[in-house]
Every structure is written in structure tokens, then in C-alpha cells.
Amino acid sequence: MLFHFSEDDSIKRFVPKEKHNRQDFPAVVWAIDEEHEFTYYFPRDCPRIVCRRDEATADRHLELFFNHTTADTIVTVESDWYTRISQQTIYRYNFDSEGFELFDKTAGYYISHRVVEPKAVDTYGNLIERLIGRGVELRFTTNLYPLREAILASGFKGFGIHRFNNAKRL
């Protein structure tokens, strides 16, 4: 089973679309696997940085990004998004995996070049509680730029940066 998250609960069919920021990429329907779905427990435009550790994470990266926590996953968002996250309801569309191909194993992304009809739609509220229930450490910061710059300068590979164009400018 694969999933797509939206703030809209009325989508009957998913038609392949081009990404606005990747004109060279073909039109596709995007989906995510269950292991990584937590990265979408946020309002669509919420900028966020996801850091995940595993057995291959270097000691220096553990010290930089996971110091003083036992969590394997940390999601950091800007403090201004707290109220919206805590009040947001999102919808999880369920897809059969048939017709999808793995696009990015690290992020859990899948794509389909065909129109996809969802098998079911689940309502997700209490997003902060859902994250905590999955063992995710949720951090709030006044600005994401310092964390992004530290990650990009470090060589750390276990991260994802989502909707950064919506982060506050320094």
C-alpha cells in the first residue's frame, strides 16, 4: 500500500502532474510508503527538515544532529507553524502499489505515470500526537536556515528538506 497526503478530502482521481520546480521531469502521480509517511503529517506548505539516523551514521553526525536524544528521527520546523500544525487536518489517500515504481528509496517516494484512483481516504488530525506516537522527536526553531546550512556543510546524508522555499529568510 502507498499513500498520498492532501489538505483536500475530495480528490477522486490523481492525474499525473509536472512539478513546478522541475520542468524537465515527466508528469507523474507521487506516493509515499508507510515507513516515511510521517514526513507528510504537516500542512502542505510547512517548511521542515527531517533527520534520520541509522547504524551507518557517522559519530560526528551523531554529535552534531542527535546529541542529547535517543530518537532515531528528528523533524524540525519553524515555531511560527506550531498553531497551524496543531490544528491541521489532512487526508491520507490509499493507493494499491501496482503501477508505481520506486523513485527514491531513502525518502520512500514512488511515482506512477498513469491516472490513479484512491482505494480509501483516511482523516488525520492530532498531527503532533501522531508524530510522537511514531517515535519522532519534533523540534521547533525560530529559523531553519542555520540547521540547513549545518547539514549541507557536514556531509550528512540522512536528511530531507521539505518546502524550504517557505522558510523565513535570514
N, C-alpha and C. Protein backbone atom coordinates (compact mmCIF):
# COMPACT_ATOMS: atom_id res chain seq x y z
N MET A 1 0.84 -1.18 0.00
CA MET A 1 0.00 0.00 0.00
C MET A 1 0.89 1.24 0.00
N LEU A 2 0.50 2.23 -0.78
CA LEU A 2 1.18 3.52 -0.85
C LEU A 2 0.18 4.62 -0.55
N PHE A 3 0.69 5.82 -0.26
CA PHE A 3 -0.18 6.88 0.21
C PHE A 3 0.16 8.22 -0.43
N HIS A 4 -0.83 9.09 -0.43
CA HIS A 4 -0.66 10.48 -0.84
C HIS A 4 -1.40 11.32 0.18
N PHE A 5 -0.78 12.40 0.64
CA PHE A 5 -1.39 13.26 1.65
C PHE A 5 -1.83 14.58 1.04
N SER A 6 -2.97 15.06 1.51
CA SER A 6 -3.51 16.31 0.99
C SER A 6 -4.36 17.00 2.06
N GLU A 7 -4.53 18.30 1.91
CA GLU A 7 -5.46 19.04 2.76
C GLU A 7 -6.86 19.01 2.16
N ASP A 8 -6.99 18.45 0.97
CA ASP A 8 -8.26 18.36 0.24
C ASP A 8 -8.80 16.93 0.38
N ASP A 9 -10.02 16.81 0.86
CA ASP A 9 -10.61 15.47 1.07
C ASP A 9 -11.53 15.04 -0.07
N SER A 10 -11.52 15.75 -1.19
CA SER A 10 -12.49 15.46 -2.24
C SER A 10 -11.86 14.98 -3.56
N ILE A 11 -10.63 14.53 -3.54
CA ILE A 11 -9.96 14.11 -4.77
C ILE A 11 -10.43 12.71 -5.15
N LYS A 12 -10.98 12.58 -6.34
CA LYS A 12 -11.49 11.29 -6.81
C LYS A 12 -10.49 10.55 -7.69
N ARG A 13 -9.64 11.31 -8.39
CA ARG A 13 -8.63 10.72 -9.27
C ARG A 13 -7.39 11.59 -9.21
N PHE A 14 -6.25 10.94 -9.25
CA PHE A 14 -4.97 11.65 -9.28
C PHE A 14 -4.43 11.54 -10.70
N VAL A 15 -4.32 12.69 -11.33
CA VAL A 15 -3.84 12.77 -12.70
C VAL A 15 -2.38 13.19 -12.65
N PRO A 16 -1.50 12.53 -13.40
CA PRO A 16 -0.09 12.91 -13.39
C PRO A 16 0.10 14.40 -13.67
N LYS A 17 0.97 15.03 -12.86
CA LYS A 17 1.26 16.46 -12.99
C LYS A 17 2.76 16.67 -13.04
N GLU A 18 3.15 17.74 -13.73
CA GLU A 18 4.55 18.14 -13.72
C GLU A 18 4.83 18.91 -12.45
N LYS A 19 6.05 18.78 -11.94
CA LYS A 19 6.46 19.58 -10.79
C LYS A 19 6.83 20.97 -11.29
N HIS A 20 6.37 21.99 -10.59
CA HIS A 20 6.65 23.36 -10.99
C HIS A 20 8.14 23.67 -10.96
N ASN A 21 8.85 23.06 -10.04
CA ASN A 21 10.28 23.36 -9.91
C ASN A 21 11.17 22.40 -10.70
N ARG A 22 10.56 21.46 -11.44
CA ARG A 22 11.34 20.52 -12.26
C ARG A 22 10.66 20.31 -13.60
N GLN A 23 10.77 21.31 -14.45
CA GLN A 23 10.11 21.28 -15.76
C GLN A 23 10.63 20.14 -16.65
N ASP A 24 11.85 19.67 -16.37
CA ASP A 24 12.45 18.61 -17.17
C ASP A 24 11.95 17.22 -16.78
N PHE A 25 11.18 17.13 -15.70
CA PHE A 25 10.72 15.84 -15.18
C PHE A 25 9.33 15.55 -15.73
N PRO A 26 9.04 14.30 -16.11
CA PRO A 26 7.73 14.00 -16.69
C PRO A 26 6.60 14.14 -15.65
N ALA A 27 5.40 14.28 -16.15
CA ALA A 27 4.22 14.36 -15.28
C ALA A 27 4.01 13.00 -14.60
N VAL A 28 3.83 13.02 -13.29
CA VAL A 28 3.64 11.79 -12.52
C VAL A 28 2.67 12.03 -11.36
N VAL A 29 2.20 10.93 -10.79
CA VAL A 29 1.48 10.93 -9.53
C VAL A 29 2.49 10.47 -8.48
N TRP A 30 2.60 11.25 -7.40
CA TRP A 30 3.55 10.93 -6.34
C TRP A 30 2.87 10.17 -5.22
N ALA A 31 3.59 9.23 -4.62
CA ALA A 31 3.09 8.49 -3.46
C ALA A 31 4.27 8.23 -2.53
N ILE A 32 3.94 7.86 -1.30
CA ILE A 32 4.97 7.58 -0.29
C ILE A 32 4.62 6.29 0.43
N ASP A 33 5.65 5.59 0.91
CA ASP A 33 5.40 4.34 1.63
C ASP A 33 5.07 4.63 3.09
N GLU A 34 4.62 3.60 3.80
CA GLU A 34 4.19 3.77 5.18
C GLU A 34 5.34 4.15 6.11
N GLU A 35 6.52 3.62 5.88
CA GLU A 35 7.67 3.92 6.73
C GLU A 35 7.99 5.42 6.77
N HIS A 36 7.78 6.10 5.66
CA HIS A 36 8.15 7.51 5.54
C HIS A 36 6.97 8.47 5.56
N GLU A 37 5.77 7.96 5.72
CA GLU A 37 4.58 8.82 5.61
C GLU A 37 4.56 9.94 6.64
N PHE A 38 5.20 9.75 7.78
CA PHE A 38 5.20 10.78 8.83
C PHE A 38 5.76 12.11 8.33
N THR A 39 6.56 12.09 7.27
CA THR A 39 7.13 13.33 6.76
C THR A 39 6.06 14.24 6.15
N TYR A 40 4.84 13.71 6.01
CA TYR A 40 3.73 14.49 5.47
C TYR A 40 2.64 14.73 6.51
N TYR A 41 2.93 14.58 7.78
CA TYR A 41 1.99 14.89 8.86
C TYR A 41 2.06 16.38 9.18
N PHE A 42 2.05 17.21 8.17
CA PHE A 42 2.21 18.64 8.30
C PHE A 42 1.33 19.33 7.27
N PRO A 43 0.99 20.61 7.51
CA PRO A 43 0.33 21.37 6.45
C PRO A 43 1.22 21.35 5.21
N ARG A 44 0.63 21.34 4.06
CA ARG A 44 1.35 21.17 2.80
C ARG A 44 2.55 22.11 2.66
N ASP A 45 2.38 23.38 2.98
CA ASP A 45 3.43 24.36 2.74
C ASP A 45 4.41 24.52 3.89
N CYS A 46 4.28 23.72 4.92
CA CYS A 46 5.14 23.84 6.10
C CYS A 46 6.58 23.45 5.78
N PRO A 47 7.53 24.39 5.93
CA PRO A 47 8.93 24.02 5.72
C PRO A 47 9.41 23.16 6.89
N ARG A 48 10.19 22.13 6.58
CA ARG A 48 10.64 21.22 7.61
C ARG A 48 11.90 20.49 7.17
N ILE A 49 12.67 20.09 8.17
CA ILE A 49 13.88 19.31 7.91
C ILE A 49 13.77 18.03 8.72
N VAL A 50 13.95 16.92 8.05
CA VAL A 50 13.88 15.60 8.67
C VAL A 50 15.29 15.02 8.74
N CYS A 51 15.70 14.60 9.93
CA CYS A 51 16.99 13.93 10.11
C CYS A 51 16.73 12.53 10.65
N ARG A 52 17.32 11.53 10.00
CA ARG A 52 17.16 10.14 10.44
C ARG A 52 18.53 9.52 10.63
N ARG A 53 18.68 8.84 11.75
CA ARG A 53 19.94 8.14 11.98
C ARG A 53 19.72 6.65 11.79
N ASP A 54 20.83 6.00 11.40
CA ASP A 54 20.85 4.55 11.32
C ASP A 54 22.24 4.08 11.72
N GLU A 55 22.49 2.80 11.58
CA GLU A 55 23.78 2.25 12.03
C GLU A 55 24.97 2.80 11.26
N ALA A 56 24.73 3.36 10.08
CA ALA A 56 25.82 3.90 9.27
C ALA A 56 26.09 5.39 9.56
N THR A 57 25.31 6.02 10.43
CA THR A 57 25.51 7.43 10.73
C THR A 57 26.84 7.63 11.45
N ALA A 58 27.66 8.49 10.91
CA ALA A 58 28.99 8.76 11.47
C ALA A 58 28.88 9.39 12.86
N ASP A 59 29.88 9.11 13.70
CA ASP A 59 29.90 9.67 15.06
C ASP A 59 29.81 11.19 15.05
N ARG A 60 30.50 11.85 14.11
CA ARG A 60 30.47 13.31 14.08
C ARG A 60 29.07 13.82 13.76
N HIS A 61 28.32 13.08 12.95
CA HIS A 61 26.95 13.48 12.63
C HIS A 61 26.01 13.20 13.80
N LEU A 62 26.28 12.13 14.53
CA LEU A 62 25.50 11.87 15.75
C LEU A 62 25.70 13.01 16.74
N GLU A 63 26.93 13.46 16.88
CA GLU A 63 27.24 14.56 17.80
C GLU A 63 26.60 15.87 17.34
N LEU A 64 26.63 16.13 16.03
CA LEU A 64 26.07 17.38 15.50
C LEU A 64 24.55 17.43 15.56
N PHE A 65 23.90 16.33 15.18
CA PHE A 65 22.46 16.39 14.95
C PHE A 65 21.62 15.56 15.92
N PHE A 66 22.22 14.63 16.65
CA PHE A 66 21.44 13.76 17.53
C PHE A 66 21.93 13.80 18.98
N ASN A 67 22.76 14.79 19.30
CA ASN A 67 23.28 14.93 20.65
C ASN A 67 22.11 15.13 21.62
N HIS A 68 22.13 14.43 22.72
CA HIS A 68 21.14 14.58 23.79
C HIS A 68 19.75 14.06 23.42
N THR A 69 19.66 13.11 22.51
CA THR A 69 18.38 12.47 22.22
C THR A 69 18.60 11.00 21.90
N THR A 70 17.62 10.19 22.20
CA THR A 70 17.65 8.78 21.80
C THR A 70 16.80 8.54 20.57
N ALA A 71 16.12 9.57 20.09
CA ALA A 71 15.25 9.44 18.92
C ALA A 71 16.09 9.14 17.67
N ASP A 72 15.56 8.27 16.83
CA ASP A 72 16.20 7.99 15.55
C ASP A 72 15.78 8.97 14.46
N THR A 73 14.66 9.67 14.70
CA THR A 73 14.15 10.62 13.72
C THR A 73 13.81 11.93 14.42
N ILE A 74 14.30 13.02 13.84
CA ILE A 74 14.00 14.36 14.34
C ILE A 74 13.44 15.17 13.18
N VAL A 75 12.31 15.82 13.42
CA VAL A 75 11.76 16.75 12.43
C VAL A 75 11.78 18.13 13.07
N THR A 76 12.39 19.08 12.37
CA THR A 76 12.49 20.45 12.86
C THR A 76 11.67 21.36 11.96
N VAL A 77 10.83 22.19 12.60
CA VAL A 77 10.01 23.16 11.87
C VAL A 77 10.15 24.52 12.55
N GLU A 78 9.76 25.54 11.83
CA GLU A 78 9.80 26.87 12.41
C GLU A 78 8.63 27.07 13.38
N SER A 79 8.91 27.76 14.47
CA SER A 79 7.94 27.95 15.55
C SER A 79 6.64 28.59 15.08
N ASP A 80 6.71 29.44 14.08
CA ASP A 80 5.51 30.10 13.58
C ASP A 80 4.47 29.10 13.05
N TRP A 81 4.88 27.88 12.76
CA TRP A 81 3.97 26.86 12.23
C TRP A 81 3.28 26.03 13.32
N TYR A 82 3.65 26.22 14.57
CA TYR A 82 3.11 25.38 15.64
C TYR A 82 1.58 25.34 15.66
N THR A 83 0.94 26.49 15.69
CA THR A 83 -0.52 26.52 15.79
C THR A 83 -1.17 25.84 14.60
N ARG A 84 -0.67 26.12 13.41
CA ARG A 84 -1.27 25.51 12.21
C ARG A 84 -1.10 23.99 12.22
N ILE A 85 0.07 23.51 12.61
CA ILE A 85 0.28 22.06 12.69
C ILE A 85 -0.67 21.45 13.71
N SER A 86 -0.80 22.09 14.86
CA SER A 86 -1.62 21.52 15.93
C SER A 86 -3.11 21.53 15.58
N GLN A 87 -3.53 22.39 14.66
CA GLN A 87 -4.95 22.47 14.29
C GLN A 87 -5.28 21.84 12.94
N GLN A 88 -4.27 21.44 12.19
CA GLN A 88 -4.45 20.95 10.82
C GLN A 88 -5.07 19.55 10.78
N THR A 89 -5.99 19.37 9.84
CA THR A 89 -6.47 18.04 9.48
C THR A 89 -5.99 17.78 8.05
N ILE A 90 -5.44 16.59 7.84
CA ILE A 90 -5.00 16.20 6.50
C ILE A 90 -5.69 14.89 6.14
N TYR A 91 -5.58 14.52 4.88
CA TYR A 91 -6.24 13.31 4.39
C TYR A 91 -5.21 12.42 3.72
N ARG A 92 -5.24 11.14 4.14
CA ARG A 92 -4.31 10.15 3.58
C ARG A 92 -5.08 9.32 2.56
N TYR A 93 -4.68 9.47 1.31
CA TYR A 93 -5.26 8.68 0.22
C TYR A 93 -4.47 7.39 0.09
N ASN A 94 -5.18 6.27 0.03
CA ASN A 94 -4.57 4.95 -0.05
C ASN A 94 -4.57 4.45 -1.49
N PHE A 95 -3.41 4.03 -1.97
CA PHE A 95 -3.26 3.50 -3.32
C PHE A 95 -2.75 2.06 -3.27
N ASP A 96 -3.20 1.25 -4.23
CA ASP A 96 -2.51 -0.02 -4.47
C ASP A 96 -1.15 0.32 -5.05
N SER A 97 -0.15 -0.46 -4.74
CA SER A 97 1.19 -0.17 -5.24
C SER A 97 1.38 -0.55 -6.71
N GLU A 98 0.43 -1.30 -7.26
CA GLU A 98 0.52 -1.70 -8.67
C GLU A 98 0.54 -0.45 -9.55
N GLY A 99 1.46 -0.42 -10.50
CA GLY A 99 1.57 0.71 -11.41
C GLY A 99 2.52 1.80 -10.92
N PHE A 100 3.04 1.65 -9.70
CA PHE A 100 4.01 2.61 -9.17
C PHE A 100 5.41 2.01 -9.25
N GLU A 101 6.39 2.87 -9.42
CA GLU A 101 7.78 2.45 -9.40
C GLU A 101 8.52 3.24 -8.33
N LEU A 102 9.48 2.60 -7.70
CA LEU A 102 10.28 3.25 -6.68
C LEU A 102 11.08 4.38 -7.31
N PHE A 103 10.98 5.57 -6.74
CA PHE A 103 11.73 6.71 -7.25
C PHE A 103 12.90 7.05 -6.34
N ASP A 104 12.70 7.00 -5.02
CA ASP A 104 13.74 7.35 -4.07
C ASP A 104 13.56 6.49 -2.82
N LYS A 105 14.41 5.48 -2.67
CA LYS A 105 14.29 4.55 -1.54
C LYS A 105 14.49 5.26 -0.19
N THR A 106 15.46 6.17 -0.12
CA THR A 106 15.77 6.86 1.13
C THR A 106 14.56 7.65 1.63
N ALA A 107 13.84 8.31 0.73
CA ALA A 107 12.68 9.12 1.10
C ALA A 107 11.37 8.34 1.07
N GLY A 108 11.38 7.15 0.45
CA GLY A 108 10.16 6.36 0.35
C GLY A 108 9.21 6.84 -0.74
N TYR A 109 9.73 7.54 -1.75
CA TYR A 109 8.90 8.09 -2.82
C TYR A 109 8.71 7.08 -3.95
N TYR A 110 7.48 7.06 -4.45
CA TYR A 110 7.10 6.24 -5.60
C TYR A 110 6.40 7.14 -6.60
N ILE A 111 6.46 6.76 -7.88
CA ILE A 111 5.79 7.54 -8.92
C ILE A 111 5.00 6.61 -9.84
N SER A 112 3.95 7.18 -10.42
CA SER A 112 3.17 6.48 -11.44
C SER A 112 2.95 7.46 -12.59
N HIS A 113 3.00 6.95 -13.78
CA HIS A 113 2.77 7.77 -14.97
C HIS A 113 1.31 7.69 -15.41
N ARG A 114 0.51 6.94 -14.66
CA ARG A 114 -0.90 6.73 -15.00
C ARG A 114 -1.81 7.48 -14.03
N VAL A 115 -3.06 7.66 -14.43
CA VAL A 115 -4.08 8.19 -13.53
C VAL A 115 -4.31 7.14 -12.44
N VAL A 116 -4.44 7.60 -11.20
CA VAL A 116 -4.61 6.69 -10.07
C VAL A 116 -5.88 7.06 -9.31
N GLU A 117 -6.68 6.06 -9.00
CA GLU A 117 -7.87 6.27 -8.18
C GLU A 117 -7.61 5.70 -6.79
N PRO A 118 -7.86 6.50 -5.77
CA PRO A 118 -7.60 6.02 -4.41
C PRO A 118 -8.57 4.91 -4.02
N LYS A 119 -8.09 3.99 -3.17
CA LYS A 119 -8.91 2.90 -2.66
C LYS A 119 -9.68 3.33 -1.42
N ALA A 120 -9.13 4.29 -0.68
CA ALA A 120 -9.77 4.79 0.54
C ALA A 120 -9.12 6.11 0.90
N VAL A 121 -9.80 6.85 1.78
CA VAL A 121 -9.27 8.12 2.29
C VAL A 121 -9.43 8.10 3.81
N ASP A 122 -8.33 8.34 4.52
CA ASP A 122 -8.34 8.40 5.98
C ASP A 122 -8.17 9.85 6.42
N THR A 123 -8.87 10.22 7.47
CA THR A 123 -8.75 11.56 8.04
C THR A 123 -7.72 11.53 9.16
N TYR A 124 -6.75 12.43 9.09
CA TYR A 124 -5.71 12.51 10.10
C TYR A 124 -5.75 13.88 10.78
N GLY A 125 -6.08 13.88 12.05
CA GLY A 125 -5.97 15.05 12.90
C GLY A 125 -4.91 14.76 13.95
N ASN A 126 -4.79 15.64 14.93
CA ASN A 126 -3.82 15.44 16.02
C ASN A 126 -2.44 15.06 15.48
N LEU A 127 -1.94 15.87 14.57
CA LEU A 127 -0.69 15.54 13.87
C LEU A 127 0.51 15.47 14.80
N ILE A 128 0.58 16.35 15.78
CA ILE A 128 1.70 16.31 16.71
C ILE A 128 1.69 15.01 17.50
N GLU A 129 0.52 14.58 17.95
CA GLU A 129 0.41 13.32 18.67
C GLU A 129 0.77 12.13 17.77
N ARG A 130 0.39 12.21 16.50
CA ARG A 130 0.75 11.14 15.56
C ARG A 130 2.27 11.03 15.41
N LEU A 131 2.93 12.16 15.30
CA LEU A 131 4.39 12.16 15.19
C LEU A 131 5.02 11.56 16.44
N ILE A 132 4.58 12.00 17.60
CA ILE A 132 5.12 11.49 18.86
C ILE A 132 4.87 9.99 18.96
N GLY A 133 3.68 9.55 18.55
CA GLY A 133 3.34 8.13 18.58
C GLY A 133 4.22 7.27 17.70
N ARG A 134 4.81 7.87 16.70
CA ARG A 134 5.73 7.15 15.81
C ARG A 134 7.18 7.26 16.28
N GLY A 135 7.39 7.87 17.44
CA GLY A 135 8.75 7.99 17.96
C GLY A 135 9.55 9.12 17.36
N VAL A 136 8.89 10.03 16.68
CA VAL A 136 9.56 11.18 16.07
C VAL A 136 9.73 12.26 17.11
N GLU A 137 10.93 12.82 17.19
CA GLU A 137 11.15 13.98 18.04
C GLU A 137 10.88 15.22 17.20
N LEU A 138 9.91 16.00 17.63
CA LEU A 138 9.53 17.22 16.92
C LEU A 138 10.18 18.41 17.61
N ARG A 139 10.94 19.16 16.83
CA ARG A 139 11.64 20.33 17.37
C ARG A 139 11.14 21.58 16.67
N PHE A 140 11.07 22.66 17.43
CA PHE A 140 10.68 23.95 16.88
C PHE A 140 11.85 24.90 17.02
N THR A 141 12.05 25.72 16.00
CA THR A 141 13.13 26.70 15.97
C THR A 141 12.60 27.99 15.36
N THR A 142 13.24 29.09 15.64
CA THR A 142 12.79 30.36 15.06
C THR A 142 13.09 30.43 13.57
N ASN A 143 14.12 29.71 13.11
CA ASN A 143 14.51 29.78 11.71
C ASN A 143 15.25 28.51 11.31
N LEU A 144 14.90 27.95 10.14
CA LEU A 144 15.51 26.71 9.66
C LEU A 144 16.85 26.88 8.96
N TYR A 145 17.19 28.08 8.54
CA TYR A 145 18.43 28.28 7.77
C TYR A 145 19.69 27.77 8.47
N PRO A 146 19.91 28.07 9.75
CA PRO A 146 21.14 27.57 10.38
C PRO A 146 21.25 26.04 10.37
N LEU A 147 20.15 25.35 10.60
CA LEU A 147 20.18 23.88 10.56
C LEU A 147 20.46 23.39 9.15
N ARG A 148 19.78 23.96 8.17
CA ARG A 148 20.01 23.54 6.78
C ARG A 148 21.47 23.74 6.39
N GLU A 149 22.03 24.89 6.71
CA GLU A 149 23.42 25.16 6.35
C GLU A 149 24.37 24.19 7.05
N ALA A 150 24.10 23.87 8.31
CA ALA A 150 24.95 22.92 9.03
C ALA A 150 24.88 21.54 8.41
N ILE A 151 23.70 21.11 8.03
CA ILE A 151 23.54 19.80 7.39
C ILE A 151 24.26 19.76 6.06
N LEU A 152 24.04 20.76 5.23
CA LEU A 152 24.65 20.77 3.89
C LEU A 152 26.17 20.85 3.96
N ALA A 153 26.72 21.48 4.97
CA ALA A 153 28.17 21.60 5.11
C ALA A 153 28.80 20.37 5.75
N SER A 154 27.99 19.47 6.32
CA SER A 154 28.51 18.36 7.12
C SER A 154 28.81 17.08 6.37
N GLY A 155 28.19 16.89 5.22
CA GLY A 155 28.33 15.60 4.53
C GLY A 155 27.32 14.56 5.02
N PHE A 156 26.47 14.90 5.96
CA PHE A 156 25.43 14.01 6.48
C PHE A 156 24.44 13.70 5.36
N LYS A 157 24.07 12.43 5.21
CA LYS A 157 23.18 12.01 4.12
C LYS A 157 21.77 11.65 4.58
N GLY A 158 21.55 11.52 5.88
CA GLY A 158 20.27 11.04 6.39
C GLY A 158 19.26 12.15 6.64
N PHE A 159 19.04 13.00 5.65
CA PHE A 159 18.14 14.12 5.86
C PHE A 159 17.23 14.33 4.66
N GLY A 160 16.15 15.04 4.90
CA GLY A 160 15.25 15.51 3.85
C GLY A 160 14.84 16.93 4.18
N ILE A 161 14.77 17.77 3.17
CA ILE A 161 14.36 19.15 3.35
C ILE A 161 13.09 19.35 2.52
N HIS A 162 12.02 19.73 3.18
CA HIS A 162 10.72 19.86 2.52
C HIS A 162 10.24 21.30 2.55
N ARG A 163 9.75 21.79 1.42
CA ARG A 163 9.11 23.10 1.30
C ARG A 163 9.96 24.24 1.85
N PHE A 164 11.26 24.13 1.64
CA PHE A 164 12.17 25.13 2.21
C PHE A 164 11.94 26.53 1.64
N ASN A 165 11.36 26.60 0.44
CA ASN A 165 11.09 27.91 -0.13
C ASN A 165 10.11 28.71 0.74
N ASN A 166 9.44 28.05 1.68
CA ASN A 166 8.52 28.74 2.58
C ASN A 166 9.16 29.09 3.93
N ALA A 167 10.43 28.78 4.09
CA ALA A 167 11.13 29.13 5.35
C ALA A 167 11.35 30.63 5.41
N LYS A 168 11.41 31.15 6.63
CA LYS A 168 11.69 32.57 6.82
C LYS A 168 13.11 32.87 6.34
N ARG A 169 13.28 33.97 5.69
CA ARG A 169 14.61 34.41 5.25
C ARG A 169 15.38 34.90 6.45
N LEU A 170 16.68 34.70 6.42
CA LEU A 170 17.52 35.22 7.50
C LEU A 170 17.63 36.72 7.43
